[in-house]
Amino acid sequence: MPSGFPAQNFANALTYKPQPNDVFVATYPKCGTTLMQHMVYIMLHKEGVPIQPNERLDVLFPHLEEVGANYIYNCASVNSIQRHRGKRLIKTHLPYDMTPMSSSSSGDKGDGAKYIFVARNPKDCIVSFYHHTRGFPKHYDFENGDFDVFFDLFCQGKVDFGDYFKTLRSWLDHKEDKHVLFVTYEDICRDKRKVVLQVADFIGNDDGNFLREELLKNEEALLKKVLYHTSLEEMKKDPLRWCSERKVEHTPFIRKGQVGGWKELLTKEQEDVLDDLMRSHFTEKELKEDLGSDYGYL
């Protein structure tokens, strides 16, 4: 856990009892978390307004493990409930078996809290996570850290939020559950419009609130706002919306946001190690059909 996360808040977070109107965005770190959060935030905002320069994502869409259950109960549902069509927005980096679940979510109807999990291939994830870690010296003491060292720690599950492979495995096992929407970062990059509509269908059909219809009416006005404000160019603006200030010599929080950027750092040997780890955790069918070539399928 980052040193800035109070231990008592993490323990308290595990006691959280999800409500039927909760929408969770769940990821392993650096797998498209902020992108999906902003996407959900805008589509649930009746005017399609993005997070403003004087607003912070961690206030409007709080991180459960950082703030704890009591904050979610007392604050998260009060400030944003009317702006977001009755939804309470929550972020988590926990594996499935540690994520608080409501009893109604896991039933056949899946009519409780909703969970959107975003996967990203391990090669791009590890490179992004490395730059992220170096950019927050107060939290990690890794400002001048070596990539090879970080690579070994990542593969051993000794970085923030533990083992990438086990977390991905835990959520993929629930890919077909009615309360889980499993998407990949690569799918978002290939066809964001399609993914936005998938998310809308998943979270927006309760109580007659058909979010897809809202997105598509008036010549797709709301959908166009979602796509525009979640573009890489727009999300690079006003970075203090997403995180605390970073030193100018470090890479920005929103860096490249592309698929395949891992080639800048990974050696062929490291690439092979990650491919082998993926094959040891996932079947050929899962790599080919559920995840894809970016995840180690040959």
Protein backbone atom coordinates (compact mmCIF):
# COMPACT_ATOMS: atom_id res chain seq x y z
CA MET A 1 0.00 0.00 0.00
CA PRO A 2 1.22 3.56 -0.59
CA SER A 3 2.63 5.13 2.56
CA GLY A 4 0.03 7.88 2.30
CA PHE A 5 -2.82 5.40 2.85
CA PRO A 6 -3.71 5.15 6.57
CA ALA A 7 -3.67 1.51 7.64
CA GLN A 8 -6.87 1.97 9.63
CA ASN A 9 -8.68 3.18 6.51
CA PHE A 10 -7.64 0.08 4.59
CA ALA A 11 -8.91 -2.19 7.36
CA ASN A 12 -12.11 -0.16 7.59
CA ALA A 13 -12.58 -0.35 3.80
CA LEU A 14 -12.86 -4.14 3.95
CA THR A 15 -15.94 -3.79 6.20
CA TYR A 16 -17.85 -1.69 3.66
CA LYS A 17 -21.37 -2.90 2.84
CA PRO A 18 -22.14 -1.98 -0.78
CA GLN A 19 -25.48 -0.41 -1.59
CA PRO A 20 -27.60 -1.26 -4.65
CA ASN A 21 -26.80 2.10 -6.26
CA ASP A 22 -23.01 1.70 -5.95
CA VAL A 23 -20.86 1.62 -9.08
CA PHE A 24 -17.30 0.35 -8.55
CA VAL A 25 -14.45 0.83 -11.00
CA ALA A 26 -11.98 -1.93 -10.16
CA THR A 27 -8.51 -2.31 -11.64
CA TYR A 28 -4.98 -3.28 -10.87
CA PRO A 29 -3.01 0.02 -10.72
CA LYS A 30 -2.13 1.68 -14.03
CA CYS A 31 -4.63 -0.29 -16.08
CA GLY A 32 -6.95 2.49 -17.18
CA THR A 33 -8.47 3.38 -13.82
CA THR A 34 -8.65 7.16 -14.27
CA LEU A 35 -9.90 6.85 -17.84
CA MET A 36 -12.78 4.58 -16.85
CA GLN A 37 -13.63 6.69 -13.80
CA HIS A 38 -13.88 9.82 -15.89
CA MET A 39 -15.87 8.00 -18.55
CA VAL A 40 -18.42 6.83 -15.97
CA TYR A 41 -18.50 10.22 -14.25
CA ILE A 42 -19.31 12.12 -17.46
CA MET A 43 -21.95 9.73 -18.77
CA LEU A 44 -23.78 9.80 -15.43
CA HIS A 45 -23.65 13.58 -15.26
CA LYS A 46 -26.88 14.78 -16.84
CA GLU A 47 -25.14 17.60 -18.69
CA GLY A 48 -22.13 15.54 -19.68
CA VAL A 49 -19.79 17.89 -17.81
CA PRO A 50 -16.25 16.61 -17.15
CA ILE A 51 -14.41 17.04 -13.88
CA GLN A 52 -13.47 20.70 -13.62
CA PRO A 53 -10.00 22.20 -12.93
CA ASN A 54 -11.05 23.11 -9.39
CA GLU A 55 -12.40 19.60 -8.67
CA ARG A 56 -10.62 16.39 -7.72
CA LEU A 57 -11.42 12.90 -8.92
CA ASP A 58 -10.56 11.36 -5.55
CA VAL A 59 -13.29 13.43 -3.92
CA LEU A 60 -15.99 12.81 -6.52
CA PHE A 61 -15.02 9.17 -7.11
CA PRO A 62 -13.18 8.14 -3.90
CA HIS A 63 -10.73 5.29 -3.56
CA LEU A 64 -12.19 2.85 -1.03
CA GLU A 65 -8.89 1.55 0.37
CA GLU A 66 -7.53 5.06 0.83
CA VAL A 67 -10.51 6.70 2.55
CA GLY A 68 -12.21 3.76 4.25
CA ALA A 69 -15.82 2.68 4.53
CA ASN A 70 -16.87 5.47 6.89
CA TYR A 71 -15.94 8.13 4.34
CA ILE A 72 -17.97 6.39 1.66
CA TYR A 73 -20.99 6.11 3.95
CA ASN A 74 -20.84 9.70 5.17
CA CYS A 75 -19.50 11.68 2.22
CA ALA A 76 -19.52 9.93 -1.12
CA SER A 77 -23.29 9.49 -1.34
CA VAL A 78 -24.12 13.02 -0.20
CA ASN A 79 -22.11 15.25 -2.51
CA SER A 80 -22.74 13.54 -5.83
CA ILE A 81 -25.99 11.62 -5.55
CA GLN A 82 -28.08 14.06 -7.58
CA ARG A 83 -25.41 14.74 -10.16
CA HIS A 84 -24.92 11.10 -10.99
CA ARG A 85 -28.44 9.77 -11.48
CA GLY A 86 -28.60 8.27 -8.01
CA LYS A 87 -25.30 6.39 -8.32
CA ARG A 88 -22.51 6.35 -5.78
CA LEU A 89 -19.09 6.09 -7.47
CA ILE A 90 -16.27 4.11 -5.85
CA LYS A 91 -12.76 3.11 -6.99
CA THR A 92 -10.86 0.03 -5.84
CA HIS A 93 -7.64 -1.82 -6.67
CA LEU A 94 -8.58 -4.91 -4.66
CA PRO A 95 -8.75 -8.43 -6.08
CA TYR A 96 -12.26 -9.82 -6.42
CA ASP A 97 -12.17 -11.93 -3.27
CA MET A 98 -11.23 -8.91 -1.13
CA THR A 99 -13.66 -6.45 -2.73
CA PRO A 100 -16.80 -5.83 -0.67
CA MET A 101 -19.82 -7.39 -2.38
CA SER A 102 -23.51 -6.92 -1.71
CA SER A 103 -25.55 -10.08 -1.38
CA SER A 104 -27.91 -8.95 -4.13
CA SER A 105 -25.05 -8.36 -6.56
CA SER A 106 -23.97 -11.97 -6.65
CA GLY A 107 -27.48 -13.30 -7.24
CA ASP A 108 -28.94 -14.39 -10.55
CA LYS A 109 -30.41 -10.96 -11.26
CA GLY A 110 -27.24 -9.00 -10.44
CA ASP A 111 -29.41 -6.13 -9.24
CA GLY A 112 -27.11 -4.91 -6.47
CA ALA A 113 -23.86 -2.96 -6.69
CA LYS A 114 -22.16 -3.00 -10.11
CA TYR A 115 -18.45 -3.65 -10.69
CA ILE A 116 -16.57 -2.56 -13.82
CA PHE A 117 -13.18 -4.24 -14.04
CA VAL A 118 -10.60 -2.91 -16.49
CA ALA A 119 -7.69 -5.17 -17.44
CA ARG A 120 -4.51 -4.04 -19.17
CA ASN A 121 -1.73 -6.16 -20.59
CA PRO A 122 1.11 -6.67 -18.08
CA LYS A 123 3.80 -5.18 -20.33
CA ASP A 124 2.18 -1.77 -20.64
CA CYS A 125 1.02 -1.95 -17.03
CA ILE A 126 4.49 -2.51 -15.61
CA VAL A 127 6.06 0.32 -17.64
CA SER A 128 3.30 2.74 -16.63
CA PHE A 129 3.49 1.60 -13.00
CA TYR A 130 7.26 2.17 -12.98
CA HIS A 131 6.91 5.76 -14.15
CA HIS A 132 4.05 6.29 -11.70
CA THR A 133 6.12 5.01 -8.77
CA ARG A 134 9.13 7.16 -9.59
CA GLY A 135 6.91 10.23 -9.84
CA PHE A 136 5.68 10.07 -6.22
CA PRO A 137 8.86 10.07 -4.10
CA LYS A 138 6.99 10.94 -0.89
CA HIS A 139 4.95 7.77 -1.19
CA TYR A 140 7.48 5.31 -2.57
CA ASP A 141 11.09 6.47 -2.03
CA PHE A 142 11.83 5.23 -5.55
CA GLU A 143 12.49 8.51 -7.35
CA ASN A 144 15.73 7.27 -8.88
CA GLY A 145 14.71 3.63 -8.96
CA ASP A 146 16.00 1.23 -11.60
CA PHE A 147 13.53 -0.42 -13.96
CA ASP A 148 15.14 -3.85 -13.63
CA VAL A 149 14.62 -3.69 -9.86
CA PHE A 150 10.99 -2.65 -10.32
CA PHE A 151 10.49 -5.42 -12.88
CA ASP A 152 11.63 -8.09 -10.42
CA LEU A 153 9.43 -6.67 -7.65
CA PHE A 154 6.41 -6.55 -9.97
CA CYS A 155 6.87 -10.16 -11.05
CA GLN A 156 7.09 -11.20 -7.40
CA GLY A 157 3.95 -9.27 -6.46
CA LYS A 158 5.93 -6.99 -4.14
CA VAL A 159 4.62 -3.66 -5.43
CA ASP A 160 1.52 -1.71 -4.41
CA PHE A 161 -1.62 -3.83 -4.35
CA GLY A 162 0.32 -7.03 -4.72
CA ASP A 163 0.27 -9.57 -7.51
CA TYR A 164 -0.96 -8.35 -10.90
CA PHE A 165 -1.53 -11.89 -12.15
CA LYS A 166 -3.59 -13.00 -9.16
CA THR A 167 -5.72 -9.86 -9.28
CA LEU A 168 -6.44 -10.33 -12.98
CA ARG A 169 -7.13 -14.02 -12.40
CA SER A 170 -9.58 -13.23 -9.59
CA TRP A 171 -11.70 -10.88 -11.73
CA LEU A 172 -11.51 -12.95 -14.91
CA ASP A 173 -13.05 -15.84 -12.96
CA HIS A 174 -16.15 -13.66 -12.57
CA LYS A 175 -16.23 -12.29 -16.09
CA GLU A 176 -19.65 -13.78 -16.80
CA ASP A 177 -21.27 -12.72 -13.52
CA LYS A 178 -24.20 -10.37 -13.98
CA HIS A 179 -22.80 -7.83 -11.51
CA VAL A 180 -19.41 -7.63 -13.27
CA LEU A 181 -18.50 -5.94 -16.54
CA PHE A 182 -15.04 -7.07 -17.65
CA VAL A 183 -13.37 -4.85 -20.26
CA THR A 184 -9.79 -4.37 -21.39
CA TYR A 185 -7.84 -1.18 -21.84
CA GLU A 186 -6.94 -2.39 -25.30
CA ASP A 187 -10.64 -2.62 -26.23
CA ILE A 188 -11.13 0.96 -25.04
CA CYS A 189 -8.25 2.13 -27.22
CA ARG A 190 -9.54 0.19 -30.24
CA ASP A 191 -13.18 1.23 -30.01
CA LYS A 192 -14.00 3.58 -27.14
CA ARG A 193 -17.49 4.26 -28.46
CA LYS A 194 -18.38 0.58 -28.24
CA VAL A 195 -17.06 0.31 -24.68
CA VAL A 196 -18.90 3.46 -23.56
CA LEU A 197 -22.16 1.95 -24.78
CA GLN A 198 -21.35 -1.35 -23.05
CA VAL A 199 -20.80 0.52 -19.79
CA ALA A 200 -24.02 2.46 -20.29
CA ASP A 201 -26.00 -0.75 -20.80
CA PHE A 202 -24.39 -2.25 -17.70
CA ILE A 203 -24.96 0.57 -15.21
CA GLY A 204 -27.79 2.57 -16.72
CA ASN A 205 -30.77 0.25 -17.10
CA ASP A 206 -32.02 0.30 -13.52
CA ASP A 207 -35.45 1.68 -12.68
CA GLY A 208 -36.19 2.54 -16.28
CA ASN A 209 -33.13 4.77 -16.60
CA PHE A 210 -31.85 3.68 -19.99
CA LEU A 211 -28.51 5.41 -20.21
CA ARG A 212 -27.79 4.22 -23.76
CA GLU A 213 -30.81 6.18 -24.95
CA GLU A 214 -29.54 9.28 -23.17
CA LEU A 215 -26.15 8.93 -24.83
CA LEU A 216 -27.59 8.52 -28.32
CA LYS A 217 -30.36 11.10 -28.38
CA ASN A 218 -29.93 14.59 -29.85
CA GLU A 219 -27.49 13.29 -32.45
CA GLU A 220 -25.40 11.54 -29.79
CA ALA A 221 -24.67 14.77 -27.94
CA LEU A 222 -23.87 13.16 -24.58
CA LEU A 223 -21.88 10.34 -26.16
CA LYS A 224 -19.77 12.85 -28.10
CA LYS A 225 -19.02 14.70 -24.85
CA VAL A 226 -17.89 11.48 -23.18
CA LEU A 227 -15.59 10.60 -26.08
CA TYR A 228 -14.17 14.11 -26.34
CA HIS A 229 -13.48 14.70 -22.66
CA THR A 230 -11.88 11.27 -22.20
CA SER A 231 -9.47 11.75 -25.09
CA LEU A 232 -5.79 11.67 -24.20
CA GLU A 233 -5.38 15.31 -25.20
CA GLU A 234 -8.20 16.49 -22.93
CA MET A 235 -7.21 14.33 -19.97
CA LYS A 236 -3.67 15.67 -20.07
CA LYS A 237 -5.08 19.10 -19.26
CA ASP A 238 -5.36 20.22 -15.62
CA PRO A 239 -3.55 17.17 -14.18
CA LEU A 240 -4.28 18.19 -10.58
CA ARG A 241 -7.77 16.85 -11.20
CA TRP A 242 -6.29 13.36 -11.05
CA CYS A 243 -3.43 13.46 -8.58
CA SER A 244 -1.19 15.55 -6.37
CA GLU A 245 1.49 17.70 -7.98
CA ARG A 246 4.45 15.93 -9.56
CA LYS A 247 7.94 17.31 -10.10
CA VAL A 248 8.52 18.72 -13.56
CA GLU A 249 11.42 16.34 -14.16
CA HIS A 250 9.09 13.35 -13.86
CA THR A 251 6.70 12.07 -16.47
CA PRO A 252 3.14 13.42 -16.15
CA PHE A 253 0.43 11.35 -14.46
CA ILE A 254 -1.38 10.99 -17.79
CA ARG A 255 1.59 9.94 -19.90
CA LYS A 256 1.09 8.17 -23.25
CA GLY A 257 -2.04 6.09 -22.79
CA GLN A 258 -1.21 3.84 -25.70
CA VAL A 259 -1.02 0.13 -26.40
CA GLY A 260 2.49 -1.21 -26.99
CA GLY A 261 4.46 1.53 -25.26
CA TRP A 262 6.23 -1.16 -23.21
CA LYS A 263 8.78 -1.57 -25.98
CA GLU A 264 10.58 1.52 -24.69
CA LEU A 265 11.86 -0.33 -21.61
CA LEU A 266 11.30 -4.08 -21.74
CA THR A 267 14.07 -6.32 -22.97
CA LYS A 268 13.27 -9.49 -24.94
CA GLU A 269 14.10 -11.54 -21.87
CA GLN A 270 11.69 -9.50 -19.72
CA GLU A 271 9.01 -9.79 -22.37
CA ASP A 272 9.41 -13.57 -22.31
CA VAL A 273 9.19 -13.65 -18.50
CA LEU A 274 5.86 -11.81 -18.56
CA ASP A 275 4.53 -14.04 -21.34
CA ASP A 276 5.49 -17.13 -19.33
CA LEU A 277 3.80 -15.77 -16.22
CA MET A 278 0.62 -15.09 -18.16
CA ARG A 279 0.62 -18.61 -19.59
CA SER A 280 1.10 -20.05 -16.11
CA HIS A 281 -1.97 -18.22 -14.79
CA PHE A 282 -4.32 -18.37 -17.78
CA THR A 283 -5.41 -20.96 -20.30
CA GLU A 284 -4.71 -20.61 -24.00
CA LYS A 285 -8.43 -20.08 -24.58
CA GLU A 286 -8.54 -17.25 -22.01
CA LEU A 287 -5.50 -15.56 -23.50
CA LYS A 288 -6.87 -15.85 -27.01
CA GLU A 289 -10.56 -15.07 -26.50
CA ASP A 290 -10.90 -13.14 -23.24
CA LEU A 291 -7.66 -11.16 -23.22
CA GLY A 292 -5.84 -11.29 -26.56
CA SER A 293 -2.42 -11.12 -28.16
CA ASP A 294 -1.26 -8.24 -25.95
CA TYR A 295 -1.48 -10.56 -22.94
CA GLY A 296 0.95 -13.22 -24.08
CA TYR A 297 -1.12 -15.29 -26.50
CA LEU A 298 0.95 -16.46 -29.45
